[in-house]
Protein backbone atom coordinates (compact mmCIF):
# COMPACT_ATOMS: atom_id res chain seq x y z
CA MET A 1 -15.01 -7.35 16.16
CA ASN A 2 -13.14 -4.18 17.54
CA VAL A 3 -10.48 -5.04 20.72
CA ASP A 4 -9.40 -2.82 22.85
CA PRO A 5 -5.56 -3.29 22.17
CA ARG A 6 -4.61 -2.41 25.77
CA SER A 7 -6.33 -5.63 27.05
CA ASP A 8 -4.59 -8.71 27.38
CA ARG A 9 -8.28 -10.63 26.81
CA PHE A 10 -7.91 -10.77 22.89
CA PRO A 11 -10.28 -13.14 21.55
CA ALA A 12 -9.58 -16.33 19.36
CA VAL A 13 -10.70 -14.77 16.04
CA ASN A 14 -9.64 -14.28 12.76
CA SER A 15 -8.17 -10.93 12.10
CA GLU A 16 -10.14 -8.74 9.58
CA ILE A 17 -6.71 -7.85 7.56
CA ASP A 18 -5.29 -11.15 6.93
CA GLY A 19 -6.98 -13.78 8.80
CA CYS A 20 -3.94 -14.46 11.38
CA PRO A 21 -5.84 -15.52 14.47
CA SER A 22 -5.80 -12.44 17.25
CA ARG A 23 -4.34 -14.84 20.17
CA ARG A 24 -2.80 -13.77 23.89
CA SER A 25 1.09 -13.91 24.43
CA LEU A 26 3.40 -17.58 24.49
CA ASN A 27 3.66 -16.39 28.08
CA GLU A 28 0.51 -16.05 29.30
CA VAL A 29 -0.54 -19.69 28.21
CA GLY A 30 1.77 -22.22 29.84
CA ALA A 31 5.27 -21.26 29.06
CA ALA A 32 7.49 -21.83 32.04
CA ARG A 33 8.96 -18.63 32.18
CA PRO A 34 8.93 -15.32 34.42
CA PRO A 35 6.42 -12.73 32.51
CA TYR A 36 9.00 -10.31 31.55
CA LEU A 37 7.72 -9.76 28.56
CA ASN A 38 3.72 -9.64 26.91
CA VAL A 39 3.88 -10.05 23.35
CA ARG A 40 0.25 -8.63 21.41
CA TRP A 41 -0.62 -9.08 17.91
CA LEU A 42 -1.99 -5.97 16.97
CA GLY A 43 -2.90 -6.73 13.11
CA ARG A 44 -2.68 -4.12 10.88
CA VAL A 45 -3.50 -0.43 12.51
CA GLU A 46 -2.91 3.00 11.46
CA PHE A 47 0.13 4.68 12.43
CA ALA A 48 -1.90 7.55 14.61
CA ARG A 49 -3.37 4.85 16.69
CA ALA A 50 -0.03 2.85 16.92
CA LEU A 51 1.23 6.14 18.56
CA ALA A 52 -1.42 7.14 20.49
CA LEU A 53 -1.25 3.66 22.13
CA GLN A 54 2.64 3.73 22.82
CA GLY A 55 1.92 6.78 24.45
CA GLU A 56 -0.76 5.60 26.59
CA LEU A 57 1.17 2.84 27.61
CA VAL A 58 4.44 4.42 28.57
CA ALA A 59 2.45 6.52 30.50
CA GLU A 60 1.03 3.43 32.80
CA LYS A 61 4.26 2.50 32.63
CA ARG A 62 5.64 5.14 34.29
CA ASN A 63 2.64 5.68 36.67
CA ASP A 64 2.89 1.63 37.78
CA SER A 65 6.39 0.25 37.85
CA SER A 66 5.62 -2.92 38.14
CA LEU A 67 3.58 -3.34 35.24
CA ASP A 68 5.33 -5.94 32.17
CA ASP A 69 6.97 -4.87 29.91
CA GLN A 70 5.33 -4.59 26.48
CA LEU A 71 5.93 -5.55 22.63
CA LEU A 72 3.62 -4.81 20.30
CA LEU A 73 3.64 -6.22 16.84
CA LEU A 74 1.63 -5.29 13.95
CA GLU A 75 1.54 -3.86 10.13
CA HIS A 76 1.17 -0.06 9.58
CA GLU A 77 -1.34 1.68 6.17
CA PRO A 78 1.55 3.39 4.41
CA VAL A 79 2.81 6.41 5.95
CA TYR A 80 6.34 7.84 6.03
CA THR A 81 8.35 9.27 9.26
CA ILE A 82 10.94 11.04 10.41
CA GLY A 83 12.39 11.68 13.87
CA ARG A 84 13.63 14.63 15.87
CA THR A 85 16.56 16.29 13.89
CA PRO A 86 16.43 19.89 12.43
CA ASP A 87 17.88 18.59 8.83
CA ARG A 88 14.63 17.36 7.09
CA SER A 89 16.48 16.47 3.80
CA SER A 90 16.24 12.81 3.93
CA LEU A 91 12.04 13.98 2.97
CA SER A 92 13.42 15.43 -0.50
CA ALA A 93 13.43 12.81 -3.39
CA PRO A 94 16.44 11.85 -4.37
CA GLY A 95 18.35 14.36 -6.85
CA SER A 96 15.51 17.37 -6.01
CA ARG A 97 16.45 20.23 -4.73
CA PRO A 98 15.27 21.12 -1.74
CA SER A 99 12.13 23.41 -1.25
CA ARG A 100 12.32 26.46 1.32
CA ASP A 101 8.96 25.98 3.28
CA GLY A 102 9.07 23.63 6.55
CA GLU A 103 8.19 20.59 5.44
CA LEU A 104 11.51 20.47 3.35
CA GLY A 105 10.67 18.47 -0.06
CA SER A 106 7.65 16.52 1.53
CA ALA A 107 4.82 17.78 -0.64
CA HIS A 108 5.66 14.91 -3.20
CA LEU A 109 5.28 12.26 -0.79
CA PRO A 110 2.29 9.77 -1.65
CA HIS A 111 1.63 9.45 1.90
CA PRO A 112 0.99 11.20 5.05
CA LEU A 113 4.24 12.25 6.92
CA PHE A 114 4.50 11.96 10.67
CA SER A 115 6.83 13.77 12.82
CA ILE A 116 7.70 11.69 15.62
CA ASN A 117 10.08 11.88 19.19
CA ARG A 118 11.99 8.98 17.80
CA GLY A 119 16.32 9.52 16.32
CA GLY A 120 16.74 8.89 12.80
CA GLN A 121 16.04 10.53 9.49
CA ALA A 122 12.64 9.99 7.03
CA THR A 123 11.32 5.99 6.89
CA TYR A 124 8.56 4.83 4.95
CA HIS A 125 6.33 2.17 7.08
CA GLY A 126 3.15 0.21 5.20
CA PRO A 127 1.94 -3.06 4.18
CA GLY A 128 4.47 -5.99 3.81
CA GLN A 129 6.74 -4.54 6.93
CA LEU A 130 6.52 -6.55 10.44
CA MET A 131 6.46 -3.15 13.11
CA GLY A 132 7.95 -4.21 16.79
CA TYR A 133 6.97 -1.63 19.17
CA PRO A 134 8.65 -2.80 22.61
CA ILE A 135 7.52 -0.91 25.54
CA VAL A 136 10.14 -1.64 27.85
CA ASP A 137 11.79 -0.16 31.06
CA LEU A 138 14.97 0.49 30.88
CA ARG A 139 15.97 1.16 34.57
CA ARG A 140 15.60 -2.20 34.74
CA CYS A 141 17.92 -2.62 32.12
CA GLY A 142 21.19 -0.66 33.97
CA GLN A 143 19.66 2.33 31.69
CA ASP A 144 21.74 1.29 28.91
CA LEU A 145 20.46 2.55 25.60
CA HIS A 146 22.94 1.02 23.57
CA LYS A 147 22.42 -2.14 24.94
CA TYR A 148 19.20 -1.93 23.79
CA LEU A 149 19.65 -1.07 20.61
CA ARG A 150 21.76 -4.35 20.04
CA TRP A 151 19.27 -6.53 21.74
CA LEU A 152 17.10 -5.31 18.84
CA GLU A 153 19.35 -5.99 15.95
CA GLN A 154 20.57 -9.13 17.60
CA LEU A 155 16.80 -10.11 17.28
CA LEU A 156 16.15 -9.64 13.92
CA ILE A 157 19.57 -11.15 12.72
CA ASP A 158 18.52 -14.11 14.79
CA LEU A 159 14.76 -13.98 13.18
CA LEU A 160 16.23 -13.44 9.72
CA ALA A 161 18.76 -16.57 10.26
CA ARG A 162 15.51 -18.68 10.91
CA TYR A 163 14.58 -17.97 7.34
CA ASP A 164 18.18 -18.67 6.19
CA ILE A 165 19.09 -15.08 5.61
CA ALA A 166 22.47 -13.95 6.10
CA ALA A 167 21.60 -9.79 7.91
CA GLN A 168 24.24 -8.41 10.08
CA ARG A 169 25.10 -4.64 11.67
CA ARG A 170 27.10 -2.56 9.72
CA GLU A 171 29.47 -0.05 11.29
CA SER A 172 28.10 3.05 12.36
CA LEU A 173 24.93 2.35 10.83
CA THR A 174 22.01 1.28 13.33
CA GLY A 175 19.83 -1.15 12.11
CA VAL A 176 20.28 -4.40 9.85
CA TRP A 177 21.44 -5.48 7.24
CA ALA A 178 21.57 -8.23 4.29
CA GLU A 179 25.19 -7.82 2.51
CA LYS A 180 24.96 -3.31 1.64
CA ARG A 181 21.10 -4.26 1.84
CA LYS A 182 19.12 -2.51 4.40
CA ILE A 183 16.45 -5.10 5.40
CA ALA A 184 15.39 -3.80 8.30
CA SER A 185 15.16 -0.21 10.49
CA ILE A 186 15.22 0.93 14.01
CA GLY A 187 14.55 4.23 15.88
CA VAL A 188 13.53 4.20 19.31
CA GLY A 189 12.47 7.14 21.41
CA VAL A 190 12.83 7.33 25.40
CA ARG A 191 10.42 8.99 27.92
CA HIS A 192 11.56 9.06 31.86
CA TRP A 193 13.46 5.74 30.75
CA ILE A 194 10.89 3.82 29.52
CA THR A 195 11.42 2.88 25.45
CA MET A 196 8.59 3.31 22.48
CA HIS A 197 8.85 3.22 18.21
CA GLY A 198 11.12 0.58 17.56
CA PHE A 199 12.14 -1.58 14.75
CA ALA A 200 10.06 -2.38 10.88
CA LEU A 201 11.38 -5.60 9.12
CA ASN A 202 10.71 -5.63 5.87
CA VAL A 203 9.13 -8.69 5.32
CA CYS A 204 7.40 -8.92 1.68
CA GLY A 205 5.22 -6.08 -0.63
CA ASP A 206 6.14 -3.23 -2.63
CA LEU A 207 8.70 -1.35 -1.51
CA SER A 208 8.91 1.64 -4.39
CA PRO A 209 7.67 4.13 -1.54
CA PHE A 210 11.60 4.01 -0.43
CA ASP A 211 12.24 5.71 -4.01
CA HIS A 212 10.10 9.13 -2.74
CA ILE A 213 13.23 9.88 0.22
CA VAL A 214 16.52 9.26 0.99
CA PRO A 215 15.81 6.23 3.47
CA CYS A 216 17.22 7.09 6.75
CA GLY A 217 19.10 9.55 5.22
CA ILE A 218 21.51 7.36 3.63
CA ASN A 219 22.10 8.40 0.11
CA ASN A 220 21.89 5.55 -2.66
CA VAL A 221 21.11 2.62 0.01
CA ALA A 222 19.59 -0.45 -1.66
CA ILE A 223 16.20 -1.51 0.64
CA THR A 224 15.36 -5.06 0.28
CA SER A 225 13.14 -7.53 2.28
CA MET A 226 12.46 -11.16 2.96
CA GLU A 227 10.92 -11.85 -0.01
CA LYS A 228 13.22 -10.42 -2.27
CA GLU A 229 16.44 -12.08 -0.43
CA THR A 230 14.79 -15.50 -0.49
CA ASN A 231 12.26 -15.20 -3.77
CA LYS A 232 9.63 -17.16 -1.71
CA SER A 233 6.01 -15.88 -0.37
CA PHE A 234 6.26 -14.76 3.49
CA THR A 235 3.34 -12.79 5.08
CA VAL A 236 3.91 -10.79 7.95
CA ALA A 237 1.74 -12.86 9.80
CA GLU A 238 3.73 -15.78 9.30
CA VAL A 239 7.01 -14.22 10.59
CA ALA A 240 5.40 -12.59 13.78
CA PRO A 241 5.09 -15.99 16.02
CA THR A 242 8.59 -16.25 15.27
CA LEU A 243 9.87 -12.66 16.46
CA GLU A 244 7.96 -13.22 19.60
CA LYS A 245 9.55 -16.65 20.68
CA LEU A 246 13.37 -15.15 19.69
CA ALA A 247 11.88 -11.66 21.65
CA LEU A 248 10.73 -14.05 25.20
CA ASP A 249 13.62 -16.16 25.15
CA SER A 250 16.03 -13.36 24.59
CA ILE A 251 14.52 -10.47 26.64
CA VAL A 252 16.34 -12.06 29.90
CA SER A 253 19.48 -11.19 28.41
CA LEU A 254 18.83 -7.53 28.58
CA ARG A 255 17.91 -7.45 32.13
CA VAL A 256 20.28 -6.89 35.05
CA ALA A 257 20.16 -8.24 38.10
CA PRO A 258 17.21 -6.62 40.52
CA GLU A 259 19.89 -5.61 42.98
CA THR A 260 21.16 -3.57 40.35
CA GLN A 261 18.19 -2.14 38.69
CA LEU A 262 17.53 1.74 39.20
CA ILE A 263 13.68 1.03 39.33
CA ASN A 264 12.94 3.80 41.81
CA ALA A 265 15.03 6.35 39.92
């Protein structure tokens, strides 16, 4: 069954991909809180479609500042992305010599590559990753991008703690780590103070596609997942509801007092 993911009228049917019921956000079914955030589970979505959806939601929020913030939770088909940077060396296979063409070493990649409007170097997205794309109006958050990034990191750290994984930040490196192993990446874009893109949490599955790049431009970085850290089986659909609850509980900490919001800026 096809559903427009921009709609909040998700039917209670099984996902064709992973059997996770499509569901409306917790804050739409009786939770006693203001609707600060509308969380949507989209299942598995092709990257280009998710990118277009984010652009549409950002444009809608720019035109109507009263719209709720959004958090899209999903998985992707295998894809590589790289952010706004003239340095594309992270696309080269480790140990290889950069090519002279505009794609700088991307010809060897086994999956499609997208250059997108986020910060950061190359990374991989695919099945087994929980993708989170917050569409958040930072004018309600003091226009503080640093605070927003720390909120994303803490959200993931708190999530991992629920599964007995001790995660932390690393100085000068955005993202979340289990000791020195990277378990989640963060890369955001901002248009007119409205965020897009977000985080990728490695839950389970094949991590070998990371071997074809220099992940996040960090040489010799070890990539890990919830599955590897615990020797337990997880699915993205099982982890997503925990992330949803934590996001709904913590979004208020990101907001500033209404009288200090720069919503008309």
